[in-house]
Amino acid sequence: RGRRRGPGAASSAEAARMDPQQRLLAEVAWEAIENAGIAADRLAGTNTGVFAGIYNTDYAWLQHDAKAVDDVYSAIGSGTSIAANRLSYLLDLRGPSVAIDTTCSSSLVATHLAMASLERRESDTALVCGINLTISPAIARSVCSVIPMAADGRCKPFDSRADGIVRGEACVALVLKRLADVRAGL
């Protein structure tokens, strides 16, 4: 027990090597818990699941290029699979802890899996997060060499005027519970 929890719980060495996506996820998840009116320490030890949609690996590429991959903090701090587990560890959550990468639909799939976990009673509360940051222009250049970018910067899915993709950045976190539990004050 004696672990520090919350967004500032990483050591300075770990924080320096951590993918900015993981840091931002921790901050936004903390805010979502606060905005839900839940004291984060009340979630410690509970059957709360974490479902994190995360796609981009720009930071890992930058770490590799900087020859900084030979320490444990770079290895752990760059893995997208660690994003959900870091939140579970920081908050001492005991439910499922899953990082989801389905490219553009990662956050939607994370939400679906969280809702299914609540329905199956694997989780009593679910923290759903999604993040995509463009940290390095190299990935964007690679993507654009194969997939055209929309000339007007607007995404038009399923439209005859669709002329390419639009890359975006975002970070979001939601706290989900079963409606019956909310109504019962659980």
C-alpha atoms as a PDB file:
ATOM      1  CA  ARG A   1       0.000   0.000   0.000  1.00  0.00           C
ATOM      2  CA  GLY A   2       2.127   3.168   0.661  1.00  0.00           C
ATOM      3  CA  ARG A   3       2.201   3.943  -3.099  1.00  0.00           C
ATOM      4  CA  ARG A   4       1.604   7.496  -4.182  1.00  0.00           C
ATOM      5  CA  ARG A   5      -1.338   7.752  -6.533  1.00  0.00           C
ATOM      6  CA  GLY A   6      -2.533  10.324  -9.015  1.00  0.00           C
ATOM      7  CA  PRO A   7      -1.026  11.949 -12.092  1.00  0.00           C
ATOM      8  CA  GLY A   8       2.159  12.996 -10.254  1.00  0.00           C
ATOM      9  CA  ALA A   9       3.007   9.527  -8.943  1.00  0.00           C
ATOM     10  CA  ALA A  10       5.807   8.713 -11.409  1.00  0.00           C
ATOM     11  CA  SER A  11       9.418   9.355 -10.507  1.00  0.00           C
ATOM     12  CA  SER A  12      11.120  12.227 -12.327  1.00  0.00           C
ATOM     13  CA  ALA A  13      13.291   9.763 -14.295  1.00  0.00           C
ATOM     14  CA  GLU A  14      10.235   7.790 -15.335  1.00  0.00           C
ATOM     15  CA  ALA A  15       8.271  10.918 -16.242  1.00  0.00           C
ATOM     16  CA  ALA A  16      11.133  12.160 -18.431  1.00  0.00           C
ATOM     17  CA  ARG A  17      11.012   8.983 -20.558  1.00  0.00           C
ATOM     18  CA  MET A  18       7.251   8.404 -20.511  1.00  0.00           C
ATOM     19  CA  ASP A  19       5.277   8.879 -23.715  1.00  0.00           C
ATOM     20  CA  PRO A  20       3.415  12.206 -23.376  1.00  0.00           C
ATOM     21  CA  GLN A  21       0.261  10.285 -24.271  1.00  0.00           C
ATOM     22  CA  GLN A  22       0.533   8.289 -21.034  1.00  0.00           C
ATOM     23  CA  ARG A  23       1.072  11.449 -18.959  1.00  0.00           C
ATOM     24  CA  LEU A  24      -1.872  13.216 -20.585  1.00  0.00           C
ATOM     25  CA  LEU A  25      -4.098  10.136 -20.161  1.00  0.00           C
ATOM     26  CA  ALA A  26      -3.335  10.111 -16.431  1.00  0.00           C
ATOM     27  CA  GLU A  27      -4.199  13.797 -16.089  1.00  0.00           C
ATOM     28  CA  VAL A  28      -7.417  13.580 -18.099  1.00  0.00           C
ATOM     29  CA  ALA A  29      -8.498  10.351 -16.351  1.00  0.00           C
ATOM     30  CA  TRP A  30      -7.965  12.036 -12.967  1.00  0.00           C
ATOM     31  CA  GLU A  31     -10.104  14.990 -14.121  1.00  0.00           C
ATOM     32  CA  ALA A  32     -12.847  12.646 -15.372  1.00  0.00           C
ATOM     33  CA  ILE A  33     -12.971  10.926 -11.976  1.00  0.00           C
ATOM     34  CA  GLU A  34     -13.168  14.295 -10.213  1.00  0.00           C
ATOM     35  CA  ASN A  35     -15.839  15.528 -12.650  1.00  0.00           C
ATOM     36  CA  ALA A  36     -17.856  12.380 -11.931  1.00  0.00           C
ATOM     37  CA  GLY A  37     -17.910  13.436  -8.274  1.00  0.00           C
ATOM     38  CA  ILE A  38     -15.795  10.484  -7.187  1.00  0.00           C
ATOM     39  CA  ALA A  39     -12.833  10.812  -4.852  1.00  0.00           C
ATOM     40  CA  ALA A  40     -10.057   8.895  -6.617  1.00  0.00           C
ATOM     41  CA  ASP A  41      -8.933   7.220  -3.395  1.00  0.00           C
ATOM     42  CA  ARG A  42     -12.426   5.690  -3.052  1.00  0.00           C
ATOM     43  CA  LEU A  43     -11.778   3.743  -6.267  1.00  0.00           C
ATOM     44  CA  ALA A  44      -8.603   2.163  -4.867  1.00  0.00           C
ATOM     45  CA  GLY A  45      -8.988  -1.581  -4.527  1.00  0.00           C
ATOM     46  CA  THR A  46     -12.339  -1.615  -6.365  1.00  0.00           C
ATOM     47  CA  ASN A  47     -13.449  -3.609  -9.353  1.00  0.00           C
ATOM     48  CA  THR A  48     -12.918  -0.632 -11.682  1.00  0.00           C
ATOM     49  CA  GLY A  49     -11.874  -1.471 -15.240  1.00  0.00           C
ATOM     50  CA  VAL A  50      -9.653   0.662 -17.447  1.00  0.00           C
ATOM     51  CA  PHE A  51     -10.181   0.594 -21.203  1.00  0.00           C
ATOM     52  CA  ALA A  52      -7.772   2.818 -23.117  1.00  0.00           C
ATOM     53  CA  GLY A  53      -7.910   3.427 -26.837  1.00  0.00           C
ATOM     54  CA  ILE A  54      -4.407   4.370 -27.922  1.00  0.00           C
ATOM     55  CA  TYR A  55      -2.877   4.186 -31.354  1.00  0.00           C
ATOM     56  CA  ASN A  56       0.108   6.367 -32.033  1.00  0.00           C
ATOM     57  CA  THR A  57       3.680   5.238 -31.414  1.00  0.00           C
ATOM     58  CA  ASP A  58       5.489   8.420 -32.488  1.00  0.00           C
ATOM     59  CA  TYR A  59       7.248   8.759 -29.142  1.00  0.00           C
ATOM     60  CA  ALA A  60       8.716   5.257 -29.337  1.00  0.00           C
ATOM     61  CA  TRP A  61      10.180   6.125 -32.725  1.00  0.00           C
ATOM     62  CA  LEU A  62      11.680   9.329 -31.304  1.00  0.00           C
ATOM     63  CA  GLN A  63      13.165   7.402 -28.365  1.00  0.00           C
ATOM     64  CA  HIS A  64      14.652   4.877 -30.771  1.00  0.00           C
ATOM     65  CA  ASP A  65      16.141   7.617 -32.957  1.00  0.00           C
ATOM     66  CA  ALA A  66      17.628   9.255 -29.854  1.00  0.00           C
ATOM     67  CA  LYS A  67      19.156   5.902 -28.818  1.00  0.00           C
ATOM     68  CA  ALA A  68      17.258   6.165 -25.536  1.00  0.00           C
ATOM     69  CA  VAL A  69      15.641   2.744 -25.697  1.00  0.00           C
ATOM     70  CA  ASP A  70      18.122   0.944 -23.493  1.00  0.00           C
ATOM     71  CA  ASP A  71      16.566   1.896 -20.170  1.00  0.00           C
ATOM     72  CA  VAL A  72      13.490   0.471 -18.492  1.00  0.00           C
ATOM     73  CA  TYR A  73      11.649   3.797 -18.435  1.00  0.00           C
ATOM     74  CA  SER A  74      11.906   4.207 -22.208  1.00  0.00           C
ATOM     75  CA  ALA A  75      10.791   0.641 -22.800  1.00  0.00           C
ATOM     76  CA  ILE A  76       7.790   0.864 -20.490  1.00  0.00           C
ATOM     77  CA  GLY A  77       7.045   4.507 -21.159  1.00  0.00           C
ATOM     78  CA  SER A  78       6.747   3.985 -24.907  1.00  0.00           C
ATOM     79  CA  GLY A  79       4.551   0.886 -24.961  1.00  0.00           C
ATOM     80  CA  THR A  80       0.941   1.588 -25.887  1.00  0.00           C
ATOM     81  CA  SER A  81       0.012  -1.617 -24.059  1.00  0.00           C
ATOM     82  CA  ILE A  82       1.168  -0.024 -20.801  1.00  0.00           C
ATOM     83  CA  ALA A  83      -1.204   2.973 -20.969  1.00  0.00           C
ATOM     84  CA  ALA A  84      -4.181   1.247 -19.327  1.00  0.00           C
ATOM     85  CA  ASN A  85      -2.003  -0.673 -16.884  1.00  0.00           C
ATOM     86  CA  ARG A  86      -0.309   2.538 -15.723  1.00  0.00           C
ATOM     87  CA  LEU A  87      -3.712   4.022 -14.849  1.00  0.00           C
ATOM     88  CA  SER A  88      -4.749   0.844 -13.040  1.00  0.00           C
ATOM     89  CA  TYR A  89      -1.501   0.888 -11.079  1.00  0.00           C
ATOM     90  CA  LEU A  90      -1.583   4.600 -10.251  1.00  0.00           C
ATOM     91  CA  LEU A  91      -5.168   4.411  -8.995  1.00  0.00           C
ATOM     92  CA  ASP A  92      -4.939   0.861  -7.533  1.00  0.00           C
ATOM     93  CA  LEU A  93      -7.821  -0.377  -9.692  1.00  0.00           C
ATOM     94  CA  ARG A  94      -8.592  -4.112  -9.717  1.00  0.00           C
ATOM     95  CA  GLY A  95     -10.853  -4.551 -12.769  1.00  0.00           C
ATOM     96  CA  PRO A  96      -9.833  -5.389 -16.336  1.00  0.00           C
ATOM     97  CA  SER A  97      -7.036  -3.214 -17.707  1.00  0.00           C
ATOM     98  CA  VAL A  98      -6.900  -3.177 -21.481  1.00  0.00           C
ATOM     99  CA  ALA A  99      -5.187  -1.018 -24.092  1.00  0.00           C
ATOM    100  CA  ILE A 100      -6.993  -1.129 -27.433  1.00  0.00           C
ATOM    101  CA  ASP A 101      -5.458  -0.310 -30.804  1.00  0.00           C
ATOM    102  CA  THR A 102      -7.869  -0.509 -33.711  1.00  0.00           C
ATOM    103  CA  THR A 103      -6.389   2.578 -35.379  1.00  0.00           C
ATOM    104  CA  CYS A 104      -9.111   5.182 -35.910  1.00  0.00           C
ATOM    105  CA  SER A 105     -11.792   3.350 -33.911  1.00  0.00           C
ATOM    106  CA  SER A 106      -9.742   2.617 -30.767  1.00  0.00           C
ATOM    107  CA  SER A 107     -11.804   4.865 -28.450  1.00  0.00           C
ATOM    108  CA  LEU A 108     -15.091   3.528 -29.789  1.00  0.00           C
ATOM    109  CA  VAL A 109     -13.975  -0.069 -29.307  1.00  0.00           C
ATOM    110  CA  ALA A 110     -12.722   0.814 -25.812  1.00  0.00           C
ATOM    111  CA  THR A 111     -16.173   2.211 -24.988  1.00  0.00           C
ATOM    112  CA  HIS A 112     -17.867  -0.909 -26.356  1.00  0.00           C
ATOM    113  CA  LEU A 113     -15.595  -3.199 -24.309  1.00  0.00           C
ATOM    114  CA  ALA A 114     -16.138  -1.120 -21.162  1.00  0.00           C
ATOM    115  CA  MET A 115     -19.922  -1.283 -21.568  1.00  0.00           C
ATOM    116  CA  ALA A 116     -19.740  -5.047 -22.145  1.00  0.00           C
ATOM    117  CA  SER A 117     -17.583  -5.420 -19.020  1.00  0.00           C
ATOM    118  CA  LEU A 118     -20.161  -3.497 -16.983  1.00  0.00           C
ATOM    119  CA  GLU A 119     -22.992  -5.570 -18.432  1.00  0.00           C
ATOM    120  CA  ARG A 120     -21.194  -8.838 -17.623  1.00  0.00           C
ATOM    121  CA  ARG A 121     -20.369  -7.459 -14.148  1.00  0.00           C
ATOM    122  CA  GLU A 122     -16.625  -7.868 -14.709  1.00  0.00           C
ATOM    123  CA  SER A 123     -16.387  -4.202 -13.692  1.00  0.00           C
ATOM    124  CA  ASP A 124     -18.503  -2.144 -11.307  1.00  0.00           C
ATOM    125  CA  THR A 125     -17.100   1.100 -12.720  1.00  0.00           C
ATOM    126  CA  ALA A 126     -15.259   1.623 -16.001  1.00  0.00           C
ATOM    127  CA  LEU A 127     -12.750   4.293 -16.878  1.00  0.00           C
ATOM    128  CA  VAL A 128     -12.745   4.700 -20.666  1.00  0.00           C
ATOM    129  CA  CYS A 129      -9.962   6.724 -22.234  1.00  0.00           C
ATOM    130  CA  GLY A 130      -8.831   7.543 -25.709  1.00  0.00           C
ATOM    131  CA  ILE A 131      -5.788   9.408 -26.948  1.00  0.00           C
ATOM    132  CA  ASN A 132      -3.981  10.206 -30.163  1.00  0.00           C
ATOM    133  CA  LEU A 133      -1.163  12.735 -30.263  1.00  0.00           C
ATOM    134  CA  THR A 134       0.967  13.501 -33.290  1.00  0.00           C
ATOM    135  CA  ILE A 135       4.370  13.932 -31.702  1.00  0.00           C
ATOM    136  CA  SER A 136       6.571  13.450 -34.752  1.00  0.00           C
ATOM    137  CA  PRO A 137       5.939  14.603 -38.330  1.00  0.00           C
ATOM    138  CA  ALA A 138       7.606  11.429 -39.632  1.00  0.00           C
ATOM    139  CA  ILE A 139       4.516   9.248 -39.142  1.00  0.00           C
ATOM    140  CA  ALA A 140       2.271  11.851 -40.799  1.00  0.00           C
ATOM    141  CA  ARG A 141       4.618  12.013 -43.777  1.00  0.00           C
ATOM    142  CA  SER A 142       4.590   8.224 -44.063  1.00  0.00           C
ATOM    143  CA  VAL A 143       0.808   8.039 -43.874  1.00  0.00           C
ATOM    144  CA  CYS A 144       0.411  10.833 -46.413  1.00  0.00           C
ATOM    145  CA  SER A 145       2.669   9.030 -48.873  1.00  0.00           C
ATOM    146  CA  VAL A 146       0.138   6.186 -49.031  1.00  0.00           C
ATOM    147  CA  ILE A 147      -3.202   7.727 -48.031  1.00  0.00           C
ATOM    148  CA  PRO A 148      -4.141  11.171 -49.365  1.00  0.00           C
ATOM    149  CA  MET A 149      -4.990  13.954 -46.937  1.00  0.00           C
ATOM    150  CA  ALA A 150      -8.290  15.767 -47.556  1.00  0.00           C
ATOM    151  CA  ALA A 151      -7.471  18.900 -49.568  1.00  0.00           C
ATOM    152  CA  ASP A 152      -9.823  21.102 -47.537  1.00  0.00           C
ATOM    153  CA  GLY A 153      -8.876  19.588 -44.151  1.00  0.00           C
ATOM    154  CA  ARG A 154     -12.404  18.213 -43.673  1.00  0.00           C
ATOM    155  CA  CYS A 155     -13.316  14.598 -43.122  1.00  0.00           C
ATOM    156  CA  LYS A 156     -16.236  13.445 -45.268  1.00  0.00           C
ATOM    157  CA  PRO A 157     -16.821   9.756 -44.576  1.00  0.00           C
ATOM    158  CA  PHE A 158     -19.373   7.997 -46.789  1.00  0.00           C
ATOM    159  CA  ASP A 159     -19.666  11.131 -48.956  1.00  0.00           C
ATOM    160  CA  SER A 160     -19.080  11.175 -52.709  1.00  0.00           C
ATOM    161  CA  ARG A 161     -16.924  14.295 -52.123  1.00  0.00           C
ATOM    162  CA  ALA A 162     -14.545  12.402 -49.812  1.00  0.00           C
ATOM    163  CA  ASP A 163     -11.004  13.057 -50.959  1.00  0.00           C
ATOM    164  CA  GLY A 164      -8.793  11.773 -48.148  1.00  0.00           C
ATOM    165  CA  ILE A 165      -8.271  11.513 -44.426  1.00  0.00           C
ATOM    166  CA  VAL A 166      -7.868  14.168 -41.770  1.00  0.00           C
ATOM    167  CA  ARG A 167      -5.492  13.427 -38.921  1.00  0.00           C
ATOM    168  CA  GLY A 168      -6.426  14.773 -35.537  1.00  0.00           C
ATOM    169  CA  GLU A 169      -5.319  14.859 -31.931  1.00  0.00           C
ATOM    170  CA  ALA A 170      -7.493  14.307 -28.901  1.00  0.00           C
ATOM    171  CA  CYS A 171      -7.567  12.978 -25.376  1.00  0.00           C
ATOM    172  CA  VAL A 172     -10.743  12.042 -23.553  1.00  0.00           C
ATOM    173  CA  ALA A 173     -11.747  10.066 -20.481  1.00  0.00           C
ATOM    174  CA  LEU A 174     -15.176   8.993 -19.273  1.00  0.00           C
ATOM    175  CA  VAL A 175     -16.351   7.280 -16.115  1.00  0.00           C
ATOM    176  CA  LEU A 176     -19.115   4.743 -16.800  1.00  0.00           C
ATOM    177  CA  LYS A 177     -21.383   2.901 -14.374  1.00  0.00           C
ATOM    178  CA  ARG A 178     -24.510   0.805 -14.736  1.00  0.00           C
ATOM    179  CA  LEU A 179     -27.608   3.048 -14.569  1.00  0.00           C
ATOM    180  CA  ALA A 180     -29.227   0.845 -11.914  1.00  0.00           C
ATOM    181  CA  ASP A 181     -26.134   1.219  -9.706  1.00  0.00           C
ATOM    182  CA  VAL A 182     -26.122   4.998 -10.122  1.00  0.00           C
ATOM    183  CA  ARG A 183     -29.809   5.149  -9.209  1.00  0.00           C
ATOM    184  CA  ALA A 184     -29.142   2.932  -6.177  1.00  0.00           C
ATOM    185  CA  GLY A 185     -26.327   5.250  -5.059  1.00  0.00           C
ATOM    186  CA  LEU A 186     -23.610   2.620  -5.583  1.00  0.00           C
END
